Protein backbone atom coordinates (compact mmCIF):
# COMPACT_ATOMS: atom_id res chain seq x y z
CA MET A 1 39.18 17.29 -66.92
CA ILE A 2 38.68 14.21 -69.22
CA ILE A 3 37.83 10.72 -67.70
CA SER A 4 38.37 7.71 -69.97
CA GLY A 5 36.08 4.92 -71.10
CA ASN A 6 37.79 2.77 -68.94
CA CYS A 7 37.72 4.64 -65.55
CA LYS A 8 33.97 5.59 -66.53
CA ASN A 9 33.35 1.68 -67.01
CA GLU A 10 34.98 0.82 -63.61
CA LYS A 11 33.16 3.88 -62.03
CA ASN A 12 29.91 2.26 -63.07
CA LYS A 13 30.98 -1.28 -61.96
CA MET A 14 31.70 0.03 -58.41
CA LEU A 15 27.95 1.77 -58.12
CA LYS A 16 26.67 -1.36 -59.74
CA LYS A 17 28.39 -3.40 -56.81
CA LEU A 18 27.24 -0.76 -54.17
CA THR A 19 23.96 -0.82 -55.26
CA ASP A 20 23.37 -4.65 -55.39
CA THR A 21 25.48 -4.98 -51.82
CA ASN A 22 22.71 -2.57 -50.36
CA ASN A 23 19.87 -4.01 -52.28
CA ASN A 24 20.76 -7.39 -50.89
CA LYS A 25 20.72 -6.12 -47.44
CA LEU A 26 17.85 -4.26 -47.93
CA LYS A 27 16.36 -7.54 -48.48
CA GLN A 28 17.83 -9.56 -45.88
CA ILE A 29 16.37 -7.04 -43.34
CA LYS A 30 12.81 -7.23 -45.04
CA SER A 31 13.20 -10.88 -45.14
CA LYS A 32 13.92 -10.80 -41.38
CA PHE A 33 10.90 -8.31 -40.58
CA SER A 34 8.12 -10.56 -43.22
CA LYS A 35 9.10 -13.90 -42.55
CA THR A 36 5.87 -16.61 -42.19
CA ILE A 37 5.47 -18.00 -38.72
CA ARG A 38 4.53 -21.40 -38.69
CA PHE A 39 2.87 -23.19 -35.68
CA ASP A 40 5.37 -25.90 -35.17
CA GLU A 41 8.22 -23.44 -34.86
CA ILE A 42 6.72 -21.48 -32.04
CA HIS A 43 4.71 -24.41 -30.13
CA THR A 44 7.68 -27.60 -29.95
CA ASN A 45 5.66 -30.85 -30.18
CA GLU A 46 6.55 -31.56 -26.93
CA LYS A 47 4.37 -28.69 -26.00
CA GLN A 48 1.70 -29.87 -28.19
CA LEU A 49 1.72 -33.51 -27.07
CA ASN A 50 1.50 -32.58 -23.41
CA LEU A 51 0.02 -28.76 -22.50
CA ASP A 52 -3.25 -30.48 -21.67
CA ARG A 53 -1.39 -33.78 -19.73
CA MET A 54 0.22 -30.82 -17.83
CA MET A 55 -2.62 -28.69 -17.24
CA GLN A 56 -4.66 -31.55 -15.61
CA LEU A 57 -2.07 -32.49 -13.49
CA VAL A 58 -1.14 -28.66 -11.94
CA ASN A 59 -4.77 -27.95 -11.58
CA LYS A 60 -5.78 -31.30 -9.40
CA ASP A 61 -3.93 -29.74 -6.98
CA VAL A 62 -5.18 -26.15 -7.71
CA LYS A 63 -8.47 -27.17 -7.35
CA ASN A 64 -7.97 -28.30 -3.60
CA ILE A 65 -6.92 -24.63 -2.46
CA LYS A 66 -9.89 -22.60 -1.09
CA ASN A 67 -11.24 -19.78 -2.66
CA LYS A 68 -13.50 -17.52 -1.39
CA ASN A 69 -13.76 -15.09 -4.42
CA LYS A 70 -17.42 -14.78 -5.34
CA ARG A 71 -18.95 -14.88 -8.90
CA LEU A 72 -19.15 -11.54 -10.67
CA THR A 73 -22.49 -10.77 -11.83
CA LYS A 74 -21.33 -7.95 -13.99
CA CYS A 75 -18.33 -7.48 -16.66
CA PRO A 76 -15.34 -6.45 -14.57
CA ILE A 77 -14.23 -4.31 -17.67
CA CYS A 78 -17.45 -2.74 -19.62
CA LYS A 79 -19.90 -3.19 -16.22
CA ASN A 80 -22.50 -4.42 -18.33
CA SER A 81 -24.87 -7.95 -16.81
CA ASN A 82 -25.03 -9.70 -19.63
CA LEU A 83 -22.82 -12.87 -18.89
CA ILE A 84 -23.39 -16.35 -20.43
CA PHE A 85 -21.70 -19.30 -19.25
CA PHE A 86 -19.16 -20.34 -22.28
CA VAL A 87 -16.65 -22.99 -20.89
CA LYS A 88 -15.54 -25.15 -17.95
CA LYS A 89 -11.90 -25.64 -18.24
CA PHE A 90 -9.42 -27.22 -15.95
CA GLU A 91 -11.98 -27.05 -12.95
CA PHE A 92 -12.74 -23.10 -13.60
CA LYS A 93 -15.48 -21.75 -15.15
CA MET A 94 -15.33 -19.02 -17.73
CA ASP A 95 -17.95 -16.94 -18.99
CA LYS A 96 -18.53 -14.22 -21.70
CA CYS A 97 -19.60 -10.65 -21.76
CA GLN A 98 -22.23 -10.58 -24.44
CA SER A 99 -21.79 -6.50 -24.66
CA CYS A 100 -17.91 -6.26 -25.16
CA GLY A 101 -16.94 -10.14 -25.64
CA LEU A 102 -14.81 -10.27 -22.89
CA ILE A 103 -13.85 -14.17 -21.63
CA PHE A 104 -12.70 -14.66 -18.32
CA CYS A 105 -12.75 -16.74 -15.64
CA ASN A 106 -15.81 -16.54 -12.88
CA PRO A 107 -15.15 -16.62 -10.31
CA TYR A 108 -11.41 -15.43 -10.46
CA PRO A 109 -8.89 -17.65 -8.85
CA SER A 110 -7.28 -16.88 -5.81
CA LYS A 111 -4.35 -15.52 -4.94
CA LYS A 112 -3.03 -18.61 -3.21
CA GLN A 113 -4.28 -20.59 -6.07
CA ILE A 114 -2.23 -18.34 -8.84
CA TYR A 115 0.63 -18.55 -6.98
CA TYR A 116 0.63 -22.27 -6.71
CA TYR A 117 0.46 -22.68 -10.39
CA TYR A 118 3.30 -20.20 -11.24
CA ASN A 119 5.29 -21.83 -8.78
CA SER A 120 4.44 -25.61 -10.33
CA GLU A 121 6.34 -27.99 -12.33
CA MET A 122 3.74 -25.72 -15.06
CA LYS A 123 6.23 -23.12 -15.15
CA LYS A 124 9.47 -24.98 -15.69
CA PHE A 125 7.25 -26.65 -18.80
CA GLU A 126 6.41 -23.23 -19.73
CA ASN A 127 10.18 -22.14 -19.98
CA ASP A 128 11.47 -25.48 -21.64
CA PHE A 129 9.73 -24.92 -24.53
CA PHE A 130 10.35 -21.39 -25.07
CA ILE A 131 14.00 -22.00 -24.73
CA LYS A 132 13.80 -24.57 -27.37
CA SER A 133 11.77 -22.40 -29.65
CA PHE A 134 13.71 -19.11 -28.69
CA GLU A 135 15.10 -18.72 -32.27
CA ASN A 136 12.05 -19.02 -34.45
CA ARG A 137 10.42 -16.55 -31.51
CA LEU A 138 12.56 -14.22 -32.48
CA ASN A 139 11.05 -13.94 -35.67
CA ILE A 140 7.64 -12.76 -33.86
CA PHE A 141 9.63 -9.39 -32.30
CA TYR A 142 11.26 -8.39 -35.12
CA PRO A 143 8.59 -6.84 -37.01
CA ARG A 144 6.81 -5.24 -33.30
CA ILE A 145 10.19 -3.55 -33.05
CA GLU A 146 9.78 -1.96 -36.31
CA ILE A 147 6.08 -0.84 -35.57
CA ILE A 148 7.40 0.46 -32.19
CA LYS A 149 9.85 2.54 -34.16
CA LYS A 150 7.33 4.07 -36.30
CA TYR A 151 6.26 5.38 -33.23
CA ARG A 152 9.50 6.33 -31.40
CA GLU A 153 13.24 6.67 -32.42
CA SER A 154 14.67 6.28 -28.56
CA GLY A 155 13.83 6.61 -25.70
CA LYS A 156 13.45 4.27 -21.97
CA ILE A 157 11.62 1.15 -22.52
CA LEU A 158 10.58 -1.22 -19.29
CA ASP A 159 9.32 -4.54 -20.66
CA ILE A 160 7.16 -6.42 -18.24
CA GLY A 161 7.14 -10.29 -18.11
CA SER A 162 10.50 -10.14 -19.74
CA SER A 163 10.76 -14.13 -18.98
CA ILE A 164 13.52 -15.63 -20.97
CA GLY A 165 14.18 -12.56 -22.56
CA VAL A 166 12.85 -13.11 -26.70
CA PHE A 167 11.96 -9.58 -26.92
CA LEU A 168 15.18 -7.95 -25.34
CA GLU A 169 17.52 -10.71 -27.83
CA ALA A 170 15.47 -9.47 -30.78
CA LEU A 171 16.42 -5.62 -29.90
CA ASN A 172 20.01 -6.97 -28.84
CA ARG A 173 20.32 -8.03 -32.69
CA VAL A 174 18.87 -4.63 -34.74
CA GLU A 175 19.68 -1.19 -34.75
CA HIS A 176 18.02 0.98 -32.33
CA ASN A 177 18.47 3.86 -29.46
CA PHE A 178 16.23 2.61 -26.81
CA ARG A 179 17.34 1.83 -23.26
CA LEU A 180 15.84 -1.36 -22.05
CA THR A 181 14.38 -2.25 -18.37
CA CYS A 182 13.27 -5.92 -17.99
CA CYS A 183 10.81 -6.68 -14.89
CA ASP A 184 9.69 -10.24 -14.23
CA ILE A 185 8.29 -12.13 -11.04
CA ASP A 186 10.19 -15.09 -11.63
CA LYS A 187 13.57 -15.19 -9.61
CA ASP A 188 14.79 -18.06 -12.07
CA SER A 189 14.02 -15.93 -15.46
CA CYS A 190 15.80 -12.81 -14.03
CA ASP A 191 18.94 -14.70 -13.16
CA LYS A 192 19.11 -16.12 -16.35
CA LEU A 193 18.55 -12.50 -17.87
CA LYS A 194 21.06 -10.75 -15.55
CA ASN A 195 23.88 -13.42 -16.27
CA ARG A 196 23.32 -13.22 -20.06
CA TYR A 197 22.73 -9.56 -20.58
CA PRO A 198 24.88 -7.90 -17.67
CA LYS A 199 24.31 -4.24 -19.15
CA VAL A 200 20.59 -4.65 -19.16
CA GLU A 201 18.72 -3.53 -16.10
CA VAL A 202 16.52 -6.09 -14.29
CA ILE A 203 13.97 -5.61 -12.24
CA ASN A 204 12.69 -9.07 -10.17
CA SER A 205 9.52 -7.93 -9.31
CA ASP A 206 5.41 -8.08 -9.29
CA PHE A 207 5.10 -4.89 -11.86
CA ILE A 208 2.43 -3.51 -9.20
CA ASN A 209 4.94 -3.19 -6.50
CA ILE A 210 7.19 -0.82 -8.63
CA GLU A 211 7.64 2.81 -7.91
CA LYS A 212 4.72 4.54 -9.92
CA LYS A 213 6.71 7.32 -11.41
CA PRO A 214 6.68 8.43 -14.89
CA ASN A 215 9.94 7.21 -15.65
CA TYR A 216 9.27 5.47 -19.44
CA ASP A 217 8.68 6.82 -22.71
CA ILE A 218 7.22 3.07 -23.43
CA ILE A 219 6.22 -0.04 -21.89
CA THR A 220 5.44 -3.15 -23.53
CA MET A 221 3.96 -6.18 -22.39
CA TRP A 222 4.29 -9.27 -24.79
CA ASP A 223 1.05 -11.82 -24.20
CA THR A 224 0.91 -11.02 -20.84
CA VAL A 225 -2.00 -8.86 -20.56
CA GLU A 226 -4.31 -12.12 -20.62
CA HIS A 227 -2.30 -13.41 -17.21
CA ILE A 228 -3.46 -10.57 -14.71
CA VAL A 229 -6.59 -10.66 -13.09
CA ASP A 230 -7.73 -7.19 -12.39
CA GLN A 231 -7.59 -5.54 -15.46
CA ASN A 232 -7.51 -1.88 -14.47
CA LEU A 233 -5.26 -2.05 -11.58
CA LEU A 234 -2.67 -3.10 -14.38
CA PHE A 235 -3.57 -0.43 -16.99
CA ASP A 236 -3.73 2.28 -14.66
CA SER A 237 -0.08 0.99 -13.01
CA VAL A 238 1.10 1.30 -16.26
CA LYS A 239 -0.09 4.67 -16.98
CA GLN A 240 1.01 6.04 -14.03
CA MET A 241 4.51 4.67 -14.98
CA LEU A 242 4.45 6.28 -18.52
CA LYS A 243 5.60 9.96 -19.31
CA LYS A 244 3.54 12.42 -20.83
CA ASP A 245 2.42 11.04 -24.23
CA GLY A 246 4.34 7.43 -23.05
CA LEU A 247 3.34 4.52 -25.65
CA PHE A 248 2.03 1.22 -24.30
CA PHE A 249 2.50 -1.54 -26.61
CA PHE A 250 0.87 -5.32 -25.91
CA SER A 251 -0.01 -8.25 -27.76
CA THR A 252 -2.70 -10.45 -26.25
CA PRO A 253 -4.73 -13.55 -27.62
CA ASN A 254 -7.83 -12.07 -30.07
CA THR A 255 -10.87 -13.57 -29.71
CA ASP A 256 -12.11 -11.70 -32.56
CA SER A 257 -10.32 -13.96 -34.93
CA PHE A 258 -10.67 -16.78 -37.33
CA GLU A 259 -9.26 -19.52 -35.44
CA TRP A 260 -11.40 -18.38 -32.17
CA MET A 261 -14.49 -18.65 -34.47
CA ILE A 262 -13.39 -22.12 -35.75
CA ALA A 263 -11.62 -23.75 -32.53
CA ASN A 264 -14.37 -21.35 -29.96
CA THR A 265 -14.86 -23.61 -26.85
CA GLU A 266 -12.25 -26.10 -27.38
CA HIS A 267 -9.19 -23.17 -28.35
CA VAL A 268 -5.99 -24.17 -27.20
CA GLN A 269 -5.84 -20.60 -25.63
CA LEU A 270 -8.32 -21.47 -22.80
CA LEU A 271 -5.96 -22.45 -20.29
CA PRO A 272 -7.24 -20.75 -16.61
CA PRO A 273 -5.55 -20.11 -13.86
CA GLY A 274 -3.01 -18.93 -16.16
CA HIS A 275 -5.48 -17.23 -18.81
CA VAL A 276 -8.26 -15.46 -16.71
CA ASN A 277 -9.04 -12.92 -19.05
CA LEU A 278 -9.12 -13.45 -22.58
CA LEU A 279 -10.15 -10.14 -24.93
CA ASN A 280 -10.75 -8.76 -28.32
CA ILE A 281 -10.31 -4.88 -29.78
CA LYS A 282 -13.70 -4.13 -28.21
CA SER A 283 -13.55 -5.10 -24.78
CA ILE A 284 -9.44 -3.40 -25.19
CA SER A 285 -11.01 -0.26 -26.46
CA THR A 286 -13.32 -0.08 -23.38
CA LEU A 287 -10.42 -1.05 -20.98
CA LEU A 288 -8.37 1.89 -22.83
CA LYS A 289 -10.97 4.20 -22.54
CA ASN A 290 -11.51 3.86 -18.80
CA ASN A 291 -8.23 4.23 -17.63
CA GLY A 292 -6.72 6.97 -19.73
CA PHE A 293 -5.59 5.77 -22.83
CA SER A 294 -6.45 6.45 -26.40
CA LEU A 295 -6.15 3.67 -28.84
CA LYS A 296 -3.68 4.60 -31.48
CA ASN A 297 -3.81 1.70 -33.74
CA HIS A 298 -3.74 -2.31 -33.97
CA PHE A 299 -2.41 -5.01 -36.09
CA THR A 300 -2.53 -8.71 -36.23
CA LEU A 301 0.37 -9.77 -37.70
CA ASN A 302 0.81 -13.49 -38.26
CA PRO A 303 -2.11 -15.15 -39.66
CA SER A 304 0.08 -18.10 -40.91
CA LEU A 305 -0.32 -19.15 -37.24
CA ASP A 306 -4.16 -19.36 -37.40
CA ILE A 307 -4.45 -21.44 -40.62
CA ASP A 308 -1.59 -23.86 -39.50
CA TYR A 309 -3.12 -24.17 -36.08
CA VAL A 310 -7.38 -24.59 -38.11
CA LEU A 311 -5.52 -26.95 -40.14
CA LYS A 312 -4.40 -28.90 -36.87
CA LEU A 313 -7.79 -28.91 -35.28
CA LYS A 314 -9.25 -30.66 -38.53
CA SER A 315 -6.96 -33.57 -38.37
CA LYS A 316 -8.77 -34.11 -34.45
CA GLU A 317 -12.19 -35.66 -35.53
CA LYS A 318 -13.57 -35.20 -32.25
CA LYS A 319 -13.68 -31.42 -33.32
CA SER A 320 -16.96 -31.25 -34.77
CA ASN A 321 -17.24 -27.53 -35.05
CA VAL A 322 -14.31 -27.91 -37.21
CA ARG A 323 -15.92 -30.14 -39.61
CA GLN A 324 -18.68 -28.28 -40.37
CA GLU A 325 -16.02 -25.30 -41.91
CA SER A 326 -14.60 -28.62 -44.09
CA TYR A 327 -15.04 -26.73 -47.27
CA LEU A 328 -13.02 -23.48 -46.41
CA LEU A 329 -10.32 -25.94 -44.70
CA SER A 330 -9.94 -27.92 -47.93
CA LEU A 331 -9.52 -24.60 -49.78
CA LEU A 332 -6.81 -23.66 -47.43
CA SER A 333 -4.84 -26.73 -48.62
CA ASN A 334 -3.96 -24.81 -51.43
CA ASN A 335 -1.07 -22.70 -51.50
CA LYS A 336 -2.17 -19.40 -53.51
CA PHE A 337 -5.80 -19.70 -51.68
CA ARG A 338 -3.79 -19.79 -48.10
CA ALA A 339 -1.61 -16.87 -49.27
CA ASP A 340 -4.46 -14.98 -50.11
CA PHE A 341 -6.23 -15.39 -47.20
CA GLU A 342 -3.69 -14.94 -44.79
CA SER A 343 -3.54 -11.02 -46.36
CA ILE A 344 -7.08 -10.86 -45.56
CA LEU A 345 -7.11 -11.93 -42.12
CA LYS A 346 -4.12 -9.17 -41.62
CA LYS A 347 -5.84 -6.31 -43.58
CA HIS A 348 -9.24 -7.05 -41.69
CA LYS A 349 -7.32 -7.70 -37.93
CA LYS A 350 -8.42 -11.06 -37.87
CA ALA A 351 -5.95 -13.16 -36.79
CA GLY A 352 -5.16 -14.86 -33.44
CA ASN A 353 -2.57 -12.73 -31.84
CA ILE A 354 -3.33 -8.69 -31.49
CA LEU A 355 -0.99 -6.06 -30.78
CA VAL A 356 -2.47 -2.90 -29.50
CA ILE A 357 -0.60 0.52 -29.58
CA ALA A 358 -2.34 2.55 -26.89
CA GLN A 359 -0.94 6.52 -25.63
CA LYS A 360 -1.61 7.87 -22.42
CA ASN A 361 -4.06 11.11 -22.05
């Protein structure tokens, strides 16, 4: 069969068009999963301006609630007794373990104090800025979903602490073969999830009270671990709900990071009685080992947030510990240096939020 020159040209044009279309799609996908995330996109101006004031206001009432919890003399994770005072924030003293680096409330807040905090204006304030930054927050989750897919292509996921459903929506916008169940203690958040996603199972409960059966292939917890007092109870409960070789994906502030080195006791993540345990990979590794998990991998995916945050601290003259880093901070104003430094932070896992992949032993 002889093909004319015109036919060949038409065929080549069609192939080129198809290739260009596929390349454009790949570029769009790559763009979605590699988007640089800016601090102001995630943390609204209202939040930045009013967070400290709201915390002070709510904790005026929290401090009047009796707390019978005793001060710990050993680290709740590694059991080392080498504890030092770290900082006092919003009426709560926080210690640091010199062995594993855990920063924690000591004593921990009482159940009544925690209940009041999460049922105060603080929760509404938090949900409001989550809603306003919803679309931008999706960009945090696209790369996380791609990482999940590298470990499991399908299965049943339990998402603990779903809140207003940013992870759910991100999963909804990409191709996947997962079945998702959402769990949150906040009734208002669960009602909103049920209305918006009627086909998704939503559990309105403290995850500790969920039936402990190995029903899930994957459990996710996004920036929730730091809110839980009893870390061992948390990890043991997760383990019981995972199937054999099930995976636990979670993110949490990373205290072994560039932004924590600069901000130190002035860090914005020091938010007791909301944040009661602040971790790093050393304390996380001990926690996993003690509770029947193996550490598969960990990443710090968004170094751009560190640099934005540190540059913001630089603008506040009272932060003397930031002024000591003035030379480095001046370099960060150079876009080329900044891009290179972001790559270094990501490569060496020194950005301020850590994503952990753990497997049930």
